């Protein structure tokens, strides 16, 4: 068995299921909710590109560099988005949480906080990671605020890091949580998930796709 194997992670608000080609129609429907692919500083697949995006992520899973999930919204039972462990470094036990998007209708819920808590808990407590990274467009201020609210710290900015679909160059803000910080981050996430829904809405509303 490899270090990173497909797994289902279940929380109160969200369930992360191994991505499967059978999810294409449901994810295409979720993606159409909010038309997130039109936000210029993100790379969210549109409904017509969903099948190709699923195939791309599964190919990276086969190569051992990504573990992709479909995000199920527990209250409705519907698939509501995608997220991944990516840039997997099995030798040094590091992963990045990214390539995440959610349907607009669930962005004012505790779903994002629950997803991040599930992924971080699995990374640090089951995979024994030394660090977990988050990356986003330097100009995606909502995503950056959401990452910072999780307790991640800014490592730096990669200037002219990647070329976006519109031809512009992305400066990438790189954040991380290291293993020694996890107990405090876990306590904060648990507290956030116990807060009234108004606070959870503020967290998730800030989490535009990375």
N, C-alpha and C. Protein backbone atom coordinates (compact mmCIF):
# COMPACT_ATOMS: atom_id res chain seq x y z
N UNK A 1 0.84 -1.20 0.00
CA UNK A 1 0.00 0.00 0.00
C UNK A 1 0.87 1.25 0.00
N UNK A 2 0.44 2.28 -0.74
CA UNK A 2 1.16 3.54 -0.74
C UNK A 2 0.80 4.32 0.52
N UNK A 3 1.57 5.38 0.75
CA UNK A 3 1.34 6.20 1.95
C UNK A 3 -0.03 6.85 1.92
N UNK A 4 -0.46 7.30 0.75
CA UNK A 4 -1.72 8.03 0.62
C UNK A 4 -2.72 7.20 -0.16
N UNK A 5 -3.69 6.61 0.54
CA UNK A 5 -4.69 5.75 -0.07
C UNK A 5 -6.05 6.43 -0.06
N UNK A 6 -6.91 6.15 -1.05
CA UNK A 6 -8.27 6.70 -1.03
C UNK A 6 -8.99 6.35 0.27
N UNK A 7 -9.71 7.32 0.82
CA UNK A 7 -10.38 7.15 2.10
C UNK A 7 -11.61 8.05 2.12
N UNK A 8 -12.63 7.65 2.85
CA UNK A 8 -13.80 8.49 3.08
C UNK A 8 -13.67 9.14 4.45
N UNK A 9 -13.85 10.46 4.50
CA UNK A 9 -13.76 11.22 5.74
C UNK A 9 -15.11 11.85 6.03
N UNK A 10 -15.71 11.49 7.14
CA UNK A 10 -17.07 11.93 7.44
C UNK A 10 -17.08 12.89 8.62
N UNK A 11 -17.75 14.03 8.44
CA UNK A 11 -17.92 15.00 9.51
C UNK A 11 -19.39 15.29 9.73
N UNK A 12 -19.69 16.29 10.55
CA UNK A 12 -21.08 16.63 10.85
C UNK A 12 -21.76 17.29 9.65
N UNK A 13 -21.03 18.13 8.92
CA UNK A 13 -21.62 18.91 7.85
C UNK A 13 -21.24 18.42 6.46
N UNK A 14 -20.13 17.72 6.35
CA UNK A 14 -19.62 17.29 5.05
C UNK A 14 -19.05 15.89 5.13
N UNK A 15 -19.10 15.20 4.00
CA UNK A 15 -18.44 13.90 3.84
C UNK A 15 -17.56 13.99 2.61
N UNK A 16 -16.29 13.65 2.77
CA UNK A 16 -15.35 13.65 1.65
C UNK A 16 -15.23 12.23 1.13
N UNK A 17 -15.62 12.04 -0.12
CA UNK A 17 -15.63 10.72 -0.74
C UNK A 17 -14.57 10.66 -1.84
N UNK A 18 -13.92 9.51 -2.05
CA UNK A 18 -12.97 9.40 -3.15
C UNK A 18 -13.64 9.80 -4.47
N UNK A 19 -12.99 10.66 -5.23
CA UNK A 19 -13.54 11.11 -6.51
C UNK A 19 -13.73 9.93 -7.44
N UNK A 20 -14.84 9.94 -8.19
CA UNK A 20 -15.18 8.82 -9.06
C UNK A 20 -15.79 9.37 -10.35
N UNK A 21 -15.53 8.75 -11.50
CA UNK A 21 -16.15 9.23 -12.74
C UNK A 21 -17.67 9.29 -12.68
N UNK A 22 -18.27 8.45 -11.85
CA UNK A 22 -19.72 8.46 -11.71
C UNK A 22 -20.24 9.76 -11.09
N UNK A 23 -19.36 10.55 -10.54
CA UNK A 23 -19.76 11.82 -9.91
C UNK A 23 -19.91 12.96 -10.91
N UNK A 24 -19.59 12.73 -12.17
CA UNK A 24 -19.50 13.82 -13.14
C UNK A 24 -20.78 14.65 -13.22
N UNK A 25 -21.92 14.01 -13.40
CA UNK A 25 -23.17 14.76 -13.58
C UNK A 25 -23.50 15.60 -12.35
N UNK A 26 -23.35 15.01 -11.16
CA UNK A 26 -23.66 15.74 -9.94
C UNK A 26 -22.71 16.91 -9.72
N UNK A 27 -21.43 16.71 -10.04
CA UNK A 27 -20.46 17.79 -9.88
C UNK A 27 -20.66 18.88 -10.93
N UNK A 28 -21.06 18.49 -12.14
CA UNK A 28 -21.37 19.50 -13.16
C UNK A 28 -22.55 20.36 -12.71
N UNK A 29 -23.54 19.74 -12.09
CA UNK A 29 -24.69 20.49 -11.58
C UNK A 29 -24.26 21.42 -10.45
N UNK A 30 -23.39 20.92 -9.56
CA UNK A 30 -22.91 21.75 -8.45
C UNK A 30 -22.10 22.94 -8.95
N UNK A 31 -21.28 22.69 -9.97
CA UNK A 31 -20.44 23.75 -10.53
C UNK A 31 -21.27 24.85 -11.17
N UNK A 32 -22.41 24.50 -11.73
CA UNK A 32 -23.28 25.49 -12.36
C UNK A 32 -23.93 26.41 -11.33
N UNK A 33 -23.91 26.03 -10.07
CA UNK A 33 -24.48 26.81 -8.99
C UNK A 33 -23.46 27.89 -8.59
N UNK A 34 -23.59 29.07 -9.16
CA UNK A 34 -22.70 30.17 -8.85
C UNK A 34 -21.74 30.54 -9.96
N UNK A 35 -21.62 29.69 -11.00
CA UNK A 35 -20.77 29.96 -12.15
C UNK A 35 -19.37 30.41 -11.71
N UNK A 36 -18.77 29.60 -10.80
CA UNK A 36 -17.49 29.99 -10.21
C UNK A 36 -16.35 30.01 -11.21
N UNK A 37 -16.48 29.31 -12.32
CA UNK A 37 -15.40 29.28 -13.31
C UNK A 37 -15.21 30.65 -13.97
N UNK A 38 -16.17 31.56 -13.77
CA UNK A 38 -16.06 32.88 -14.37
C UNK A 38 -15.22 33.85 -13.54
N UNK A 39 -14.86 33.47 -12.31
CA UNK A 39 -14.00 34.31 -11.48
C UNK A 39 -12.58 34.21 -12.02
N UNK A 40 -12.00 35.31 -12.46
CA UNK A 40 -10.78 35.28 -13.27
C UNK A 40 -9.57 34.74 -12.51
N UNK A 41 -9.54 34.92 -11.17
CA UNK A 41 -8.35 34.48 -10.42
C UNK A 41 -8.49 33.07 -9.86
N UNK A 42 -9.44 32.30 -10.36
CA UNK A 42 -9.57 30.89 -9.99
C UNK A 42 -9.45 30.01 -11.24
N UNK A 43 -9.33 28.72 -11.02
CA UNK A 43 -9.28 27.76 -12.13
C UNK A 43 -10.30 26.65 -11.88
N UNK A 44 -11.53 27.05 -11.65
CA UNK A 44 -12.62 26.10 -11.40
C UNK A 44 -13.13 25.56 -12.73
N UNK A 45 -13.32 24.25 -12.86
CA UNK A 45 -13.83 23.70 -14.13
C UNK A 45 -15.30 24.06 -14.32
N UNK A 46 -15.68 24.35 -15.57
CA UNK A 46 -17.08 24.54 -15.90
C UNK A 46 -17.76 23.20 -16.11
N UNK A 47 -19.08 23.17 -16.21
CA UNK A 47 -19.78 21.89 -16.38
C UNK A 47 -19.29 21.09 -17.57
N UNK A 48 -18.98 21.74 -18.69
CA UNK A 48 -18.53 21.02 -19.88
C UNK A 48 -17.14 20.42 -19.71
N UNK A 49 -16.38 20.96 -18.79
CA UNK A 49 -15.01 20.47 -18.56
C UNK A 49 -14.92 19.49 -17.39
N UNK A 50 -16.05 19.19 -16.75
CA UNK A 50 -16.00 18.41 -15.52
C UNK A 50 -15.44 17.01 -15.74
N UNK A 51 -15.86 16.35 -16.82
CA UNK A 51 -15.35 15.00 -17.08
C UNK A 51 -13.85 14.98 -17.26
N UNK A 52 -13.32 15.96 -18.01
CA UNK A 52 -11.87 16.05 -18.23
C UNK A 52 -11.14 16.36 -16.92
N UNK A 53 -11.74 17.20 -16.08
CA UNK A 53 -11.10 17.53 -14.81
C UNK A 53 -11.07 16.33 -13.87
N UNK A 54 -12.15 15.55 -13.86
CA UNK A 54 -12.15 14.33 -13.05
C UNK A 54 -11.07 13.37 -13.55
N UNK A 55 -10.96 13.21 -14.86
CA UNK A 55 -9.94 12.33 -15.42
C UNK A 55 -8.54 12.81 -15.07
N UNK A 56 -8.33 14.13 -15.11
CA UNK A 56 -7.01 14.69 -14.78
C UNK A 56 -6.65 14.40 -13.33
N UNK A 57 -7.60 14.61 -12.45
CA UNK A 57 -7.31 14.38 -11.03
C UNK A 57 -7.09 12.90 -10.74
N UNK A 58 -7.84 12.04 -11.39
CA UNK A 58 -7.65 10.61 -11.16
C UNK A 58 -6.33 10.12 -11.74
N UNK A 59 -5.87 10.72 -12.83
CA UNK A 59 -4.55 10.37 -13.37
C UNK A 59 -3.45 10.77 -12.38
N UNK A 60 -3.62 11.92 -11.74
CA UNK A 60 -2.64 12.34 -10.74
C UNK A 60 -2.71 11.44 -9.50
N UNK A 61 -3.90 10.96 -9.17
CA UNK A 61 -4.00 9.99 -8.08
C UNK A 61 -3.23 8.72 -8.42
N UNK A 62 -3.38 8.24 -9.65
CA UNK A 62 -2.67 7.06 -10.09
C UNK A 62 -1.15 7.27 -10.03
N UNK A 63 -0.71 8.50 -10.32
CA UNK A 63 0.72 8.81 -10.28
C UNK A 63 1.24 9.03 -8.86
N UNK A 64 0.34 9.11 -7.88
CA UNK A 64 0.75 9.26 -6.50
C UNK A 64 1.00 10.68 -6.06
N UNK A 65 0.54 11.67 -6.85
CA UNK A 65 0.81 13.07 -6.50
C UNK A 65 -0.45 13.81 -6.04
N UNK A 66 -1.59 13.16 -6.07
CA UNK A 66 -2.84 13.80 -5.65
C UNK A 66 -3.79 12.75 -5.09
N UNK A 67 -4.59 13.16 -4.10
CA UNK A 67 -5.69 12.34 -3.62
C UNK A 67 -6.94 13.21 -3.67
N UNK A 68 -7.78 13.02 -4.73
CA UNK A 68 -8.94 13.90 -4.92
C UNK A 68 -10.20 13.37 -4.25
N UNK A 69 -11.02 14.31 -3.79
CA UNK A 69 -12.27 13.99 -3.13
C UNK A 69 -13.43 14.74 -3.79
N UNK A 70 -14.60 14.13 -3.76
CA UNK A 70 -15.86 14.84 -3.96
C UNK A 70 -16.40 15.22 -2.59
N UNK A 71 -16.98 16.41 -2.49
CA UNK A 71 -17.51 16.90 -1.22
C UNK A 71 -19.03 16.74 -1.22
N UNK A 72 -19.52 15.95 -0.27
CA UNK A 72 -20.97 15.77 -0.15
C UNK A 72 -21.49 16.63 1.00
N UNK A 73 -22.54 17.40 0.69
CA UNK A 73 -23.20 18.23 1.69
C UNK A 73 -24.18 17.35 2.46
N UNK A 74 -23.89 17.09 3.73
CA UNK A 74 -24.67 16.09 4.47
C UNK A 74 -26.15 16.45 4.59
N UNK A 75 -26.44 17.72 4.77
CA UNK A 75 -27.84 18.11 5.00
C UNK A 75 -28.72 17.82 3.79
N UNK A 76 -28.19 18.02 2.59
CA UNK A 76 -28.98 17.79 1.38
C UNK A 76 -28.71 16.44 0.73
N UNK A 77 -27.56 15.84 1.07
CA UNK A 77 -27.18 14.57 0.45
C UNK A 77 -26.56 14.73 -0.93
N UNK A 78 -26.40 15.96 -1.40
CA UNK A 78 -25.90 16.20 -2.75
C UNK A 78 -24.40 16.46 -2.76
N UNK A 79 -23.75 16.12 -3.86
CA UNK A 79 -22.37 16.53 -4.05
C UNK A 79 -22.33 18.04 -4.27
N UNK A 80 -21.40 18.70 -3.59
CA UNK A 80 -21.39 20.17 -3.60
C UNK A 80 -20.05 20.75 -4.02
N UNK A 81 -19.08 19.90 -4.36
CA UNK A 81 -17.79 20.46 -4.75
C UNK A 81 -16.70 19.42 -4.77
N UNK A 82 -15.45 19.90 -4.86
CA UNK A 82 -14.28 19.03 -4.94
C UNK A 82 -13.17 19.63 -4.07
N UNK A 83 -12.29 18.79 -3.58
CA UNK A 83 -11.09 19.22 -2.89
C UNK A 83 -10.05 18.12 -3.03
N UNK A 84 -8.79 18.42 -2.69
CA UNK A 84 -7.74 17.41 -2.86
C UNK A 84 -6.63 17.58 -1.83
N UNK A 85 -5.92 16.48 -1.61
CA UNK A 85 -4.52 16.56 -1.19
C UNK A 85 -3.72 16.58 -2.49
N UNK A 86 -2.82 17.54 -2.64
CA UNK A 86 -2.07 17.65 -3.87
C UNK A 86 -0.60 17.96 -3.57
N UNK A 87 0.23 17.95 -4.62
CA UNK A 87 1.67 18.14 -4.44
C UNK A 87 2.19 17.25 -3.31
N UNK A 88 1.82 15.99 -3.40
CA UNK A 88 2.10 15.02 -2.34
C UNK A 88 3.60 14.70 -2.31
N UNK A 89 4.20 14.82 -1.15
CA UNK A 89 5.61 14.46 -0.92
C UNK A 89 5.63 13.37 0.13
N UNK A 90 5.59 12.11 -0.34
CA UNK A 90 5.53 10.97 0.59
C UNK A 90 6.82 10.81 1.37
N UNK A 91 7.95 11.16 0.77
CA UNK A 91 9.24 11.02 1.45
C UNK A 91 9.30 11.88 2.70
N UNK A 92 8.89 13.13 2.56
CA UNK A 92 8.96 14.06 3.68
C UNK A 92 7.62 14.27 4.38
N UNK A 93 6.60 13.53 3.93
CA UNK A 93 5.27 13.56 4.55
C UNK A 93 4.71 14.99 4.61
N UNK A 94 4.60 15.57 3.42
CA UNK A 94 3.99 16.89 3.26
C UNK A 94 2.90 16.80 2.20
N UNK A 95 1.82 17.53 2.38
CA UNK A 95 0.78 17.64 1.37
C UNK A 95 0.29 19.07 1.31
N UNK A 96 -0.35 19.41 0.21
CA UNK A 96 -1.07 20.67 0.08
C UNK A 96 -2.55 20.36 0.00
N UNK A 97 -3.39 21.14 0.67
CA UNK A 97 -4.83 21.07 0.50
C UNK A 97 -5.22 22.15 -0.48
N UNK A 98 -5.80 21.75 -1.62
CA UNK A 98 -6.11 22.75 -2.62
C UNK A 98 -7.00 22.22 -3.72
N UNK A 99 -7.04 22.96 -4.85
CA UNK A 99 -7.95 22.66 -5.96
C UNK A 99 -9.37 22.46 -5.44
N UNK A 100 -9.79 23.38 -4.58
CA UNK A 100 -11.07 23.28 -3.87
C UNK A 100 -12.08 24.26 -4.44
N UNK A 101 -13.31 23.78 -4.62
CA UNK A 101 -14.41 24.68 -4.95
C UNK A 101 -15.70 24.10 -4.38
N UNK A 102 -16.66 25.00 -4.09
CA UNK A 102 -17.96 24.59 -3.57
C UNK A 102 -19.06 25.35 -4.32
N UNK A 103 -20.19 24.71 -4.48
CA UNK A 103 -21.37 25.36 -5.04
C UNK A 103 -21.73 26.58 -4.20
N UNK A 104 -22.20 27.63 -4.88
CA UNK A 104 -22.51 28.87 -4.18
C UNK A 104 -23.53 28.67 -3.07
N UNK A 105 -24.46 27.76 -3.24
CA UNK A 105 -25.54 27.59 -2.27
C UNK A 105 -25.07 27.02 -0.94
N UNK A 106 -23.87 26.46 -0.87
CA UNK A 106 -23.36 25.92 0.40
C UNK A 106 -22.24 26.77 0.97
N UNK A 107 -21.92 27.88 0.32
CA UNK A 107 -20.82 28.70 0.81
C UNK A 107 -21.17 29.50 2.05
N UNK A 108 -22.44 29.55 2.42
CA UNK A 108 -22.84 30.22 3.65
C UNK A 108 -23.23 29.18 4.70
N UNK A 109 -22.38 28.17 4.84
CA UNK A 109 -22.61 27.11 5.81
C UNK A 109 -21.28 26.73 6.44
N UNK A 110 -21.31 25.76 7.35
CA UNK A 110 -20.09 25.30 8.01
C UNK A 110 -19.34 24.27 7.18
N UNK A 111 -19.74 24.06 5.95
CA UNK A 111 -19.16 22.99 5.13
C UNK A 111 -17.65 23.16 4.93
N UNK A 112 -17.20 24.38 4.61
CA UNK A 112 -15.77 24.58 4.35
C UNK A 112 -14.94 24.31 5.60
N UNK A 113 -15.38 24.83 6.74
CA UNK A 113 -14.65 24.61 7.97
C UNK A 113 -14.57 23.13 8.30
N UNK A 114 -15.67 22.41 8.11
CA UNK A 114 -15.70 20.98 8.38
C UNK A 114 -14.76 20.22 7.45
N UNK A 115 -14.77 20.58 6.17
CA UNK A 115 -13.87 19.93 5.21
C UNK A 115 -12.41 20.11 5.60
N UNK A 116 -12.04 21.35 5.93
CA UNK A 116 -10.65 21.61 6.30
C UNK A 116 -10.28 20.87 7.57
N UNK A 117 -11.20 20.82 8.55
CA UNK A 117 -10.91 20.09 9.78
C UNK A 117 -10.70 18.60 9.51
N UNK A 118 -11.52 18.02 8.64
CA UNK A 118 -11.38 16.60 8.31
C UNK A 118 -10.04 16.32 7.63
N UNK A 119 -9.68 17.16 6.67
CA UNK A 119 -8.44 16.95 5.92
C UNK A 119 -7.22 17.17 6.80
N UNK A 120 -7.25 18.19 7.63
CA UNK A 120 -6.11 18.44 8.51
C UNK A 120 -5.96 17.35 9.56
N UNK A 121 -7.07 16.92 10.13
CA UNK A 121 -7.01 15.86 11.14
C UNK A 121 -6.44 14.58 10.54
N UNK A 122 -6.87 14.22 9.36
CA UNK A 122 -6.36 13.00 8.71
C UNK A 122 -4.87 13.16 8.40
N UNK A 123 -4.48 14.34 7.92
CA UNK A 123 -3.09 14.56 7.54
C UNK A 123 -2.15 14.44 8.75
N UNK A 124 -2.52 15.09 9.84
CA UNK A 124 -1.62 15.10 10.99
C UNK A 124 -1.76 13.88 11.88
N UNK A 125 -2.97 13.33 12.02
CA UNK A 125 -3.18 12.25 12.99
C UNK A 125 -3.12 10.86 12.38
N UNK A 126 -3.36 10.73 11.08
CA UNK A 126 -3.29 9.42 10.42
C UNK A 126 -2.07 9.32 9.50
N UNK A 127 -1.77 10.36 8.75
CA UNK A 127 -0.65 10.31 7.81
C UNK A 127 0.65 10.79 8.43
N UNK A 128 0.58 11.34 9.63
CA UNK A 128 1.77 11.82 10.34
C UNK A 128 2.54 12.85 9.52
N UNK A 129 1.82 13.78 8.92
CA UNK A 129 2.46 14.83 8.13
C UNK A 129 3.26 15.76 9.03
N UNK A 130 4.37 16.29 8.46
CA UNK A 130 5.14 17.29 9.18
C UNK A 130 4.63 18.69 8.88
N UNK A 131 3.93 18.84 7.75
CA UNK A 131 3.39 20.14 7.38
C UNK A 131 2.30 19.97 6.34
N UNK A 132 1.33 20.87 6.35
CA UNK A 132 0.27 20.93 5.34
C UNK A 132 0.26 22.33 4.77
N UNK A 133 0.29 22.44 3.44
CA UNK A 133 0.32 23.74 2.76
C UNK A 133 -1.05 24.12 2.21
N UNK A 134 -1.23 25.42 2.03
CA UNK A 134 -2.36 25.99 1.30
C UNK A 134 -1.79 27.03 0.35
N UNK A 135 -2.25 27.07 -0.89
CA UNK A 135 -1.79 28.06 -1.85
C UNK A 135 -3.00 28.69 -2.54
N UNK A 136 -2.88 29.97 -2.82
CA UNK A 136 -3.96 30.66 -3.51
C UNK A 136 -3.40 31.88 -4.24
N UNK A 137 -4.18 32.39 -5.17
CA UNK A 137 -3.79 33.61 -5.89
C UNK A 137 -3.59 34.74 -4.89
N UNK A 138 -2.50 35.47 -5.04
CA UNK A 138 -2.20 36.55 -4.11
C UNK A 138 -3.34 37.57 -4.05
N UNK A 139 -4.09 37.71 -5.15
CA UNK A 139 -5.18 38.68 -5.20
C UNK A 139 -6.52 38.12 -4.73
N UNK A 140 -6.55 36.84 -4.39
CA UNK A 140 -7.78 36.22 -3.90
C UNK A 140 -7.86 36.48 -2.39
N UNK A 141 -8.25 37.69 -2.03
CA UNK A 141 -8.20 38.12 -0.64
C UNK A 141 -9.16 37.35 0.24
N UNK A 142 -10.30 36.96 -0.29
CA UNK A 142 -11.27 36.18 0.51
C UNK A 142 -10.69 34.82 0.87
N UNK A 143 -10.08 34.16 -0.10
CA UNK A 143 -9.47 32.87 0.17
C UNK A 143 -8.33 33.01 1.17
N UNK A 144 -7.53 34.06 1.02
CA UNK A 144 -6.41 34.26 1.94
C UNK A 144 -6.91 34.47 3.37
N UNK A 145 -7.96 35.25 3.53
CA UNK A 145 -8.51 35.46 4.88
C UNK A 145 -9.04 34.16 5.47
N UNK A 146 -9.68 33.34 4.63
CA UNK A 146 -10.21 32.07 5.12
C UNK A 146 -9.08 31.15 5.55
N UNK A 147 -8.00 31.10 4.77
CA UNK A 147 -6.84 30.27 5.13
C UNK A 147 -6.24 30.75 6.44
N UNK A 148 -6.10 32.06 6.59
CA UNK A 148 -5.53 32.61 7.82
C UNK A 148 -6.40 32.32 9.03
N UNK A 149 -7.73 32.32 8.84
CA UNK A 149 -8.62 32.01 9.95
C UNK A 149 -8.48 30.57 10.42
N UNK A 150 -8.02 29.69 9.54
CA UNK A 150 -7.77 28.31 9.96
C UNK A 150 -6.60 28.22 10.92
N UNK A 151 -5.72 29.20 10.89
CA UNK A 151 -4.52 29.18 11.72
C UNK A 151 -3.24 28.99 10.93
N UNK A 152 -3.34 28.96 9.59
CA UNK A 152 -2.15 28.80 8.76
C UNK A 152 -1.36 30.11 8.73
N UNK A 153 -0.04 29.99 8.56
CA UNK A 153 0.84 31.15 8.53
C UNK A 153 1.41 31.33 7.12
N UNK A 154 1.61 32.56 6.75
CA UNK A 154 2.15 32.87 5.43
C UNK A 154 3.63 32.54 5.38
N UNK A 155 4.01 31.65 4.46
CA UNK A 155 5.42 31.34 4.24
C UNK A 155 6.07 32.32 3.28
N UNK A 156 5.30 32.82 2.31
CA UNK A 156 5.83 33.77 1.34
C UNK A 156 4.98 33.81 0.09
N UNK A 157 5.42 34.58 -0.89
CA UNK A 157 4.71 34.73 -2.15
C UNK A 157 5.65 34.33 -3.29
N UNK A 158 5.18 33.40 -4.14
CA UNK A 158 5.92 32.99 -5.33
C UNK A 158 5.53 33.93 -6.46
N UNK A 159 6.44 34.79 -6.87
CA UNK A 159 6.14 35.79 -7.88
C UNK A 159 6.10 35.16 -9.27
N UNK A 160 5.12 35.58 -10.09
CA UNK A 160 4.95 35.04 -11.46
C UNK A 160 5.07 33.52 -11.45
N UNK A 161 4.28 32.90 -10.59
CA UNK A 161 4.42 31.46 -10.34
C UNK A 161 3.84 30.61 -11.45
N UNK A 162 2.60 30.91 -11.86
CA UNK A 162 1.95 30.12 -12.92
C UNK A 162 1.17 31.06 -13.83
N UNK A 163 0.89 30.58 -15.05
CA UNK A 163 0.10 31.35 -15.99
C UNK A 163 -1.36 30.92 -15.87
N UNK A 164 -2.25 31.90 -15.73
CA UNK A 164 -3.67 31.65 -15.60
C UNK A 164 -4.30 31.43 -16.98
N UNK A 165 -5.51 30.83 -17.03
CA UNK A 165 -6.17 30.60 -18.33
C UNK A 165 -6.34 31.86 -19.17
N UNK A 166 -6.47 33.03 -18.52
CA UNK A 166 -6.65 34.26 -19.27
C UNK A 166 -5.32 34.87 -19.72
N UNK A 167 -4.21 34.17 -19.44
CA UNK A 167 -2.90 34.64 -19.86
C UNK A 167 -2.15 35.45 -18.83
N UNK A 168 -2.81 35.87 -17.76
CA UNK A 168 -2.13 36.63 -16.72
C UNK A 168 -1.24 35.71 -15.89
N UNK A 169 -0.24 36.30 -15.22
CA UNK A 169 0.65 35.54 -14.36
C UNK A 169 0.18 35.63 -12.92
N UNK A 170 0.14 34.50 -12.26
CA UNK A 170 -0.34 34.44 -10.88
C UNK A 170 0.83 34.52 -9.91
N UNK A 171 0.76 35.49 -8.98
CA UNK A 171 1.60 35.46 -7.79
C UNK A 171 0.89 34.58 -6.77
N UNK A 172 1.55 33.55 -6.28
CA UNK A 172 0.93 32.56 -5.40
C UNK A 172 1.33 32.79 -3.95
N UNK A 173 0.33 33.02 -3.10
CA UNK A 173 0.56 33.12 -1.65
C UNK A 173 0.60 31.72 -1.06
N UNK A 174 1.69 31.39 -0.36
CA UNK A 174 1.90 30.05 0.19
C UNK A 174 1.78 30.13 1.71
N UNK A 175 0.88 29.33 2.25
CA UNK A 175 0.67 29.23 3.70
C UNK A 175 0.95 27.80 4.16
N UNK A 176 1.19 27.62 5.44
CA UNK A 176 1.34 26.26 5.96
C UNK A 176 0.95 26.20 7.43
N UNK A 177 0.63 24.98 7.84
CA UNK A 177 0.47 24.60 9.25
C UNK A 177 1.46 23.47 9.48
N UNK A 178 2.31 23.58 10.50
CA UNK A 178 3.27 22.52 10.80
C UNK A 178 2.75 21.68 11.96
N UNK A 179 3.33 20.50 12.11
CA UNK A 179 2.79 19.52 13.05
C UNK A 179 2.71 20.06 14.47
N UNK A 180 3.70 20.84 14.89
CA UNK A 180 3.70 21.35 16.26
C UNK A 180 2.56 22.34 16.51
N UNK A 181 2.02 22.92 15.44
CA UNK A 181 0.92 23.88 15.57
C UNK A 181 -0.44 23.21 15.55
N UNK A 182 -0.49 21.94 15.16
CA UNK A 182 -1.77 21.28 14.96
C UNK A 182 -2.66 21.25 16.20
N UNK A 183 -2.16 20.96 17.42
CA UNK A 183 -3.08 20.94 18.56
C UNK A 183 -3.84 22.25 18.75
N UNK A 184 -3.17 23.40 18.60
CA UNK A 184 -3.85 24.68 18.74
C UNK A 184 -4.81 24.93 17.58
N UNK A 185 -4.39 24.57 16.37
CA UNK A 185 -5.27 24.73 15.20
C UNK A 185 -6.50 23.85 15.34
N UNK A 186 -6.31 22.62 15.79
CA UNK A 186 -7.45 21.70 15.99
C UNK A 186 -8.43 22.26 17.01
N UNK A 187 -7.93 22.80 18.11
CA UNK A 187 -8.80 23.39 19.13
C UNK A 187 -9.59 24.56 18.55
N UNK A 188 -8.93 25.38 17.72
CA UNK A 188 -9.62 26.51 17.12
C UNK A 188 -10.69 26.06 16.14
N UNK A 189 -10.38 25.04 15.32
CA UNK A 189 -11.37 24.53 14.38
C UNK A 189 -12.57 23.94 15.11
N UNK A 190 -12.30 23.18 16.19
CA UNK A 190 -13.40 22.62 16.97
C UNK A 190 -14.28 23.73 17.54
N UNK A 191 -13.66 24.81 18.01
CA UNK A 191 -14.40 25.95 18.54
C UNK A 191 -15.23 26.61 17.44
N UNK A 192 -14.62 26.80 16.26
CA UNK A 192 -15.34 27.42 15.15
C UNK A 192 -16.56 26.60 14.76
N UNK A 193 -16.44 25.28 14.78
CA UNK A 193 -17.56 24.43 14.39
C UNK A 193 -18.66 24.39 15.45
N UNK A 194 -18.34 24.78 16.67
CA UNK A 194 -19.35 24.86 17.72
C UNK A 194 -20.03 26.21 17.78
N UNK A 195 -19.47 27.20 17.07
CA UNK A 195 -20.02 28.55 17.11
C UNK A 195 -21.37 28.60 16.39
N UNK A 196 -22.18 29.65 16.65
CA UNK A 196 -23.43 29.80 15.90
C UNK A 196 -23.16 29.90 14.41
N UNK A 197 -24.14 29.51 13.63
CA UNK A 197 -23.99 29.46 12.18
C UNK A 197 -23.56 30.79 11.56
N UNK A 198 -23.86 31.92 12.21
CA UNK A 198 -23.46 33.21 11.65
C UNK A 198 -21.96 33.30 11.52
N UNK A 199 -21.20 32.79 12.51
CA UNK A 199 -19.75 32.81 12.43
C UNK A 199 -19.26 31.85 11.37
N UNK A 200 -19.88 30.67 11.28
CA UNK A 200 -19.49 29.72 10.26
C UNK A 200 -19.73 30.29 8.88
N UNK A 201 -20.84 31.03 8.71
CA UNK A 201 -21.13 31.62 7.41
C UNK A 201 -20.06 32.60 7.00
N UNK A 202 -19.55 33.36 7.98
CA UNK A 202 -18.50 34.33 7.66
C UNK A 202 -17.25 33.62 7.18
N UNK A 203 -16.92 32.49 7.82
CA UNK A 203 -15.74 31.73 7.41
C UNK A 203 -15.91 31.18 6.02
N UNK A 204 -17.06 30.56 5.75
CA UNK A 204 -17.24 29.91 4.46
C UNK A 204 -17.48 30.90 3.34
N UNK A 205 -18.15 32.02 3.65
CA UNK A 205 -18.37 33.03 2.64
C UNK A 205 -17.05 33.59 2.14
N UNK A 206 -16.02 33.59 3.03
CA UNK A 206 -14.71 34.10 2.64
C UNK A 206 -13.95 33.12 1.76
N UNK A 207 -14.41 31.88 1.72
CA UNK A 207 -13.62 30.84 1.07
C UNK A 207 -13.96 30.69 -0.39
N UNK A 208 -13.65 31.68 -1.19
CA UNK A 208 -13.78 31.51 -2.63
C UNK A 208 -12.72 30.53 -3.09
N UNK A 209 -12.90 29.88 -4.25
CA UNK A 209 -12.03 28.78 -4.64
C UNK A 209 -10.57 29.18 -4.76
N UNK A 210 -9.71 28.23 -4.43
CA UNK A 210 -8.27 28.42 -4.59
C UNK A 210 -7.84 28.12 -5.99
